[in-house]
Structure formats: C-alpha cells, structure tokens
N, C-alpha and C. Protein backbone atom coordinates (compact mmCIF):
# COMPACT_ATOMS: atom_id res chain seq x y z
N UNK A 1 0.92 -1.17 0.11
CA UNK A 1 0.07 0.02 -0.06
C UNK A 1 0.82 1.24 0.02
N UNK A 2 0.29 2.36 -0.06
CA UNK A 2 0.85 3.62 -0.14
C UNK A 2 0.94 4.20 1.37
N UNK A 3 1.99 4.90 1.73
CA UNK A 3 2.21 5.41 3.02
C UNK A 3 2.36 6.96 2.77
N UNK A 4 1.35 7.61 3.39
CA UNK A 4 1.30 9.21 3.34
C UNK A 4 1.74 9.64 4.72
N UNK A 5 2.88 10.57 4.77
CA UNK A 5 3.20 10.86 6.08
C UNK A 5 3.82 12.38 5.97
N UNK A 6 3.92 12.97 7.05
CA UNK A 6 4.60 14.44 6.99
C UNK A 6 6.06 14.29 6.98
N UNK A 7 6.65 15.48 6.80
CA UNK A 7 8.05 15.49 6.65
C UNK A 7 8.82 14.99 7.77
N UNK A 8 8.23 14.93 9.01
CA UNK A 8 8.93 14.51 10.30
C UNK A 8 9.48 13.02 10.07
N UNK A 9 8.77 12.33 9.18
CA UNK A 9 9.10 11.02 8.96
C UNK A 9 10.12 10.80 7.89
N UNK A 10 10.64 11.83 7.26
CA UNK A 10 11.64 11.74 6.19
C UNK A 10 12.94 11.51 6.75
N UNK A 11 13.46 10.35 6.95
CA UNK A 11 14.77 9.92 7.24
C UNK A 11 15.26 8.68 6.68
N UNK A 12 16.44 8.43 6.77
CA UNK A 12 16.97 7.27 5.98
C UNK A 12 16.34 5.97 6.67
N UNK A 13 16.21 5.91 7.98
CA UNK A 13 15.70 4.74 8.57
C UNK A 13 14.31 4.42 7.93
N UNK A 14 13.43 5.40 8.02
CA UNK A 14 12.07 5.24 7.54
C UNK A 14 12.11 4.97 6.04
N UNK A 15 13.01 5.66 5.23
CA UNK A 15 12.96 5.28 3.95
C UNK A 15 13.39 3.79 3.56
N UNK A 16 14.24 3.19 4.37
CA UNK A 16 14.65 1.79 4.12
C UNK A 16 13.35 0.98 4.52
N UNK A 17 12.66 1.32 5.63
CA UNK A 17 11.53 0.46 5.93
C UNK A 17 10.39 0.64 4.86
N UNK A 18 10.11 1.83 4.31
CA UNK A 18 9.08 2.07 3.35
C UNK A 18 9.60 1.96 1.94
N UNK A 19 10.77 1.57 1.75
CA UNK A 19 11.24 1.35 0.39
C UNK A 19 10.62 0.44 -0.55
N UNK A 20 10.13 -0.60 0.07
CA UNK A 20 9.23 -1.76 -0.55
C UNK A 20 7.84 -1.31 -0.90
N UNK A 21 7.42 -0.32 -0.02
CA UNK A 21 6.06 0.15 -0.37
C UNK A 21 6.16 1.65 -1.07
N UNK A 22 5.05 2.08 -1.53
CA UNK A 22 4.98 3.15 -2.26
C UNK A 22 5.05 4.39 -1.36
N UNK A 23 6.24 4.94 -1.08
CA UNK A 23 6.48 6.01 -0.15
C UNK A 23 6.04 7.33 -0.56
N UNK A 24 5.13 7.79 0.23
CA UNK A 24 4.56 9.24 -0.13
C UNK A 24 4.83 10.29 0.96
N UNK A 25 5.93 10.12 1.62
CA UNK A 25 6.41 11.08 2.68
C UNK A 25 6.51 12.42 2.05
N UNK A 26 6.19 13.42 2.61
CA UNK A 26 6.41 14.91 2.15
C UNK A 26 7.87 15.18 2.03
N UNK A 27 8.29 15.96 1.08
CA UNK A 27 9.64 16.40 0.87
C UNK A 27 9.94 17.49 1.96
N UNK A 28 11.08 17.47 2.37
CA UNK A 28 11.51 18.55 3.39
C UNK A 28 12.56 19.45 2.84
N UNK A 29 12.52 20.71 3.09
CA UNK A 29 13.46 21.69 2.66
C UNK A 29 14.35 21.78 3.64
N UNK A 30 15.72 22.03 3.43
CA UNK A 30 16.73 22.08 4.46
C UNK A 30 17.53 23.45 4.16
N UNK A 31 18.26 23.87 5.18
CA UNK A 31 18.94 25.25 4.89
C UNK A 31 19.72 25.32 3.73
N UNK A 32 19.58 26.22 2.92
CA UNK A 32 20.30 26.53 1.75
C UNK A 32 20.04 25.43 0.58
N UNK A 33 18.99 24.76 0.92
CA UNK A 33 18.56 23.68 -0.03
C UNK A 33 16.94 23.79 -0.13
N UNK A 34 16.41 24.70 -0.90
CA UNK A 34 14.91 24.74 -1.10
C UNK A 34 14.41 23.60 -1.84
N UNK A 35 13.16 23.46 -1.80
CA UNK A 35 12.45 22.49 -2.62
C UNK A 35 12.40 22.84 -4.04
N UNK A 36 12.47 21.78 -4.91
CA UNK A 36 12.32 22.17 -6.35
C UNK A 36 10.86 22.19 -6.60
N UNK A 37 10.51 22.79 -7.76
CA UNK A 37 9.25 22.88 -8.07
C UNK A 37 8.60 21.67 -8.24
N UNK A 38 9.20 20.47 -8.70
CA UNK A 38 8.62 19.17 -8.68
C UNK A 38 8.25 18.75 -7.36
N UNK A 39 9.22 18.96 -6.39
CA UNK A 39 8.92 18.53 -5.03
C UNK A 39 7.76 19.26 -4.34
N UNK A 40 7.62 20.66 -4.69
CA UNK A 40 6.57 21.45 -4.14
C UNK A 40 5.18 20.86 -4.72
N UNK A 41 5.35 20.52 -6.11
CA UNK A 41 3.98 19.93 -6.66
C UNK A 41 3.66 18.68 -6.07
N UNK A 42 4.64 17.73 -5.84
CA UNK A 42 4.28 16.49 -5.13
C UNK A 42 3.86 16.61 -3.78
N UNK A 43 4.37 17.54 -2.93
CA UNK A 43 3.88 17.87 -1.63
C UNK A 43 2.48 18.35 -1.66
N UNK A 44 2.11 19.19 -2.65
CA UNK A 44 0.71 19.66 -2.61
C UNK A 44 -0.15 18.56 -2.94
N UNK A 45 0.23 17.76 -3.93
CA UNK A 45 -0.82 16.52 -4.22
C UNK A 45 -0.81 15.53 -2.95
N UNK A 46 0.13 15.32 -2.34
CA UNK A 46 0.25 14.44 -1.17
C UNK A 46 -0.60 15.07 0.01
N UNK A 47 -0.39 16.45 0.14
CA UNK A 47 -1.15 17.00 1.36
C UNK A 47 -2.53 17.11 1.07
N UNK A 48 -3.00 17.09 -0.27
CA UNK A 48 -4.49 17.07 -0.42
C UNK A 48 -5.10 15.72 0.02
N UNK A 49 -4.31 14.65 -0.10
CA UNK A 49 -4.79 13.27 0.26
C UNK A 49 -4.90 13.27 1.75
N UNK A 50 -3.70 13.72 2.39
CA UNK A 50 -3.53 13.55 3.78
C UNK A 50 -4.55 14.49 4.57
N UNK A 51 -5.01 15.55 3.96
CA UNK A 51 -5.83 16.44 4.61
C UNK A 51 -7.22 15.83 4.94
N UNK A 52 -7.58 15.07 3.95
CA UNK A 52 -9.04 14.31 4.07
C UNK A 52 -8.96 13.37 5.19
N UNK A 53 -7.72 12.50 5.38
CA UNK A 53 -7.72 11.63 6.38
C UNK A 53 -7.49 12.27 7.72
N UNK A 54 -6.60 13.20 7.88
CA UNK A 54 -6.41 13.85 9.01
C UNK A 54 -7.63 14.67 9.59
N UNK A 55 -8.51 15.18 8.69
CA UNK A 55 -9.65 15.81 9.09
C UNK A 55 -10.61 14.84 9.75
N UNK A 56 -10.82 13.75 9.10
CA UNK A 56 -11.66 12.67 9.47
C UNK A 56 -11.23 12.18 10.96
N UNK A 57 -9.86 11.97 11.14
CA UNK A 57 -9.46 11.41 12.42
C UNK A 57 -9.69 12.51 13.46
N UNK A 58 -9.42 13.81 13.18
CA UNK A 58 -9.60 14.88 14.09
C UNK A 58 -11.07 14.94 14.42
N UNK A 59 -11.97 14.77 13.67
CA UNK A 59 -13.39 14.84 13.93
C UNK A 59 -13.89 13.55 14.79
N UNK A 60 -13.32 12.45 14.40
CA UNK A 60 -13.64 11.45 15.25
C UNK A 60 -13.11 11.44 16.67
N UNK A 61 -11.96 12.06 16.84
CA UNK A 61 -11.44 12.18 18.12
C UNK A 61 -12.14 13.32 18.84
N UNK A 62 -12.43 14.42 18.30
CA UNK A 62 -13.07 15.60 19.00
C UNK A 62 -14.66 15.23 19.34
N UNK A 63 -15.28 14.73 18.35
CA UNK A 63 -16.68 14.62 18.49
C UNK A 63 -17.14 13.29 18.88
N UNK A 64 -16.43 12.27 18.71
CA UNK A 64 -16.94 10.84 19.10
C UNK A 64 -16.00 10.23 20.03
N UNK A 65 -15.13 10.89 20.68
CA UNK A 65 -14.43 10.24 21.81
C UNK A 65 -13.23 9.45 21.63
N UNK A 66 -12.78 9.42 20.35
CA UNK A 66 -11.67 8.53 19.99
C UNK A 66 -10.28 8.90 20.47
N UNK A 67 -10.32 10.04 21.19
CA UNK A 67 -9.03 10.51 21.57
C UNK A 67 -8.51 9.63 22.80
N UNK A 68 -9.30 8.98 23.59
CA UNK A 68 -9.01 8.08 24.55
C UNK A 68 -9.58 6.85 24.56
N UNK A 69 -8.80 5.82 25.09
CA UNK A 69 -9.48 4.44 25.22
C UNK A 69 -10.43 4.44 26.27
N UNK A 70 -11.42 3.68 26.09
CA UNK A 70 -12.55 3.66 27.21
C UNK A 70 -12.65 2.38 27.83
N UNK A 71 -12.12 1.35 27.13
CA UNK A 71 -12.21 0.04 27.87
C UNK A 71 -10.81 -0.59 27.93
N UNK A 72 -10.81 -1.57 28.87
CA UNK A 72 -9.54 -2.39 29.13
C UNK A 72 -9.59 -3.50 28.01
N UNK A 73 -8.41 -3.60 27.38
CA UNK A 73 -8.16 -4.54 26.33
C UNK A 73 -8.38 -4.00 24.94
N UNK A 74 -7.45 -4.40 24.14
CA UNK A 74 -7.40 -3.94 22.69
C UNK A 74 -8.53 -4.32 21.91
N UNK A 75 -9.15 -5.47 22.06
CA UNK A 75 -10.32 -5.97 21.16
C UNK A 75 -11.63 -5.16 21.52
N UNK A 76 -11.94 -4.70 22.72
CA UNK A 76 -13.03 -3.87 22.91
C UNK A 76 -12.90 -2.55 22.41
N UNK A 77 -11.62 -1.83 22.51
CA UNK A 77 -11.46 -0.55 21.86
C UNK A 77 -11.30 -0.53 20.42
N UNK A 78 -10.91 -1.75 19.84
CA UNK A 78 -10.92 -1.85 18.43
C UNK A 78 -12.37 -1.88 17.88
N UNK A 79 -13.18 -2.67 18.57
CA UNK A 79 -14.52 -2.80 18.13
C UNK A 79 -15.31 -1.46 18.35
N UNK A 80 -15.03 -0.72 19.46
CA UNK A 80 -15.57 0.54 19.61
C UNK A 80 -15.14 1.46 18.52
N UNK A 81 -13.87 1.53 18.15
CA UNK A 81 -13.54 2.35 17.07
C UNK A 81 -14.07 2.06 15.69
N UNK A 82 -14.33 0.81 15.42
CA UNK A 82 -14.88 0.27 14.19
C UNK A 82 -16.36 0.65 14.10
N UNK A 83 -16.98 0.69 15.34
CA UNK A 83 -18.36 1.03 15.29
C UNK A 83 -18.58 2.41 15.08
N UNK A 84 -17.68 3.35 15.77
CA UNK A 84 -17.72 4.67 15.54
C UNK A 84 -17.44 5.18 14.04
N UNK A 85 -16.48 4.46 13.43
CA UNK A 85 -16.22 4.73 12.08
C UNK A 85 -17.34 4.43 11.11
N UNK A 86 -18.05 3.29 11.46
CA UNK A 86 -19.15 2.93 10.68
C UNK A 86 -20.20 3.96 10.72
N UNK A 87 -20.54 4.37 11.84
CA UNK A 87 -21.63 5.39 12.18
C UNK A 87 -21.20 6.76 11.43
N UNK A 88 -19.90 6.98 11.41
CA UNK A 88 -19.59 8.36 10.64
C UNK A 88 -19.66 8.14 9.30
N UNK A 89 -19.36 6.87 8.63
CA UNK A 89 -19.47 6.63 7.29
C UNK A 89 -20.96 6.66 6.84
N UNK A 90 -21.80 6.17 7.74
CA UNK A 90 -23.25 6.17 7.30
C UNK A 90 -23.78 7.61 7.44
N UNK A 91 -23.44 8.41 8.43
CA UNK A 91 -23.79 9.81 8.48
C UNK A 91 -23.44 10.51 7.27
N UNK A 92 -22.04 10.32 6.83
CA UNK A 92 -21.59 11.00 5.72
C UNK A 92 -22.27 10.55 4.51
N UNK A 93 -22.51 9.24 4.32
CA UNK A 93 -23.33 8.90 3.19
C UNK A 93 -24.74 9.42 3.23
N UNK A 94 -25.36 9.61 4.27
CA UNK A 94 -26.72 10.15 4.23
C UNK A 94 -26.61 11.53 3.79
N UNK A 95 -25.70 12.43 4.40
CA UNK A 95 -25.49 13.78 3.93
C UNK A 95 -25.29 13.90 2.44
N UNK A 96 -24.42 12.99 1.80
CA UNK A 96 -24.24 12.99 0.43
C UNK A 96 -25.58 12.81 -0.28
N UNK A 97 -26.27 11.70 0.10
CA UNK A 97 -27.64 11.32 -0.40
C UNK A 97 -28.53 12.49 -0.32
N UNK A 98 -28.70 13.28 0.79
CA UNK A 98 -29.56 14.41 0.91
C UNK A 98 -29.11 15.49 -0.08
N UNK A 99 -27.85 15.71 -0.21
CA UNK A 99 -27.38 16.69 -1.13
C UNK A 99 -27.58 16.31 -2.61
N UNK A 100 -27.45 15.19 -3.00
CA UNK A 100 -27.84 14.70 -4.33
C UNK A 100 -29.37 14.80 -4.51
N UNK A 101 -30.07 14.46 -3.48
CA UNK A 101 -31.52 14.47 -3.70
C UNK A 101 -32.10 15.99 -3.75
N UNK A 102 -31.45 16.76 -3.07
CA UNK A 102 -31.82 18.31 -3.08
C UNK A 102 -31.54 18.96 -4.44
N UNK A 103 -30.50 18.43 -5.18
CA UNK A 103 -30.15 18.91 -6.45
C UNK A 103 -30.99 18.44 -7.48
N UNK A 104 -31.88 17.38 -7.22
CA UNK A 104 -32.80 16.97 -8.28
C UNK A 104 -32.12 16.01 -9.27
N UNK A 105 -30.96 15.47 -8.81
CA UNK A 105 -30.20 14.52 -9.78
C UNK A 105 -31.03 13.28 -9.81
N UNK A 106 -30.73 12.43 -10.86
CA UNK A 106 -31.29 11.10 -10.91
C UNK A 106 -30.56 9.95 -10.20
N UNK A 107 -29.48 10.40 -9.47
CA UNK A 107 -28.79 9.41 -8.73
C UNK A 107 -29.52 8.67 -7.66
N UNK A 108 -30.55 9.55 -7.01
CA UNK A 108 -31.17 9.13 -5.89
C UNK A 108 -32.65 8.47 -6.23
N UNK A 109 -32.58 7.40 -7.05
CA UNK A 109 -33.73 6.76 -7.42
C UNK A 109 -34.01 5.47 -6.67
C-alpha cells in the first residue's frame, strides 16, 4: 500500500522500511537547499490526500471520543473504534444522499 506521512518521517531509517512500499512522505526543505518545483507539486498533491484523512481522524477524536481508550483490552477498543467509524460513514453517506436529492439529480432513485 501507499504510505502518506508528513516531513517529520523523512529520514533514512524510515526510507529503508518504506522502500518496498509506495513511499509518499512529504519532501522537506533544508537550510540552503530549497524544494524544487517538482517537490513542491508532489507535496501539494500528497497534502491534499492527507488532509482528508487527518480531518476525519480529528473529527472522530473531537466529537466521538476516540482521543481516549474507554475499555480495558485491545479488542473492545478496536470494536468501539470500528463502530464509531461505521456510524461516521453512514452519516456521511446520508449527507451525500441528501445533497444529491436536493439537487434533483437522477442518482437518488
């Protein structure tokens, strides 16, 4: 799979681990070595994908209590996180359905 990460993960150790996968870590500028136009464009594309994921995790943490583990044991907390994610996806799907329906599109038949 692809790994999207910010520039804090850009180092040789992580590059070796992620070398077999499709590494999408953001490029980092260093002193007296600015990013090239290609690197800036790649960072922009990668950031647009990371934004969607980061926003969703932030929402789940802030509004649905995923910032803290509520139960003892990994399995119960995993199940809770999956149920919260499913409810979030259902809510998002219903919002998309309502928007499509209000536009009068033929998608909602």
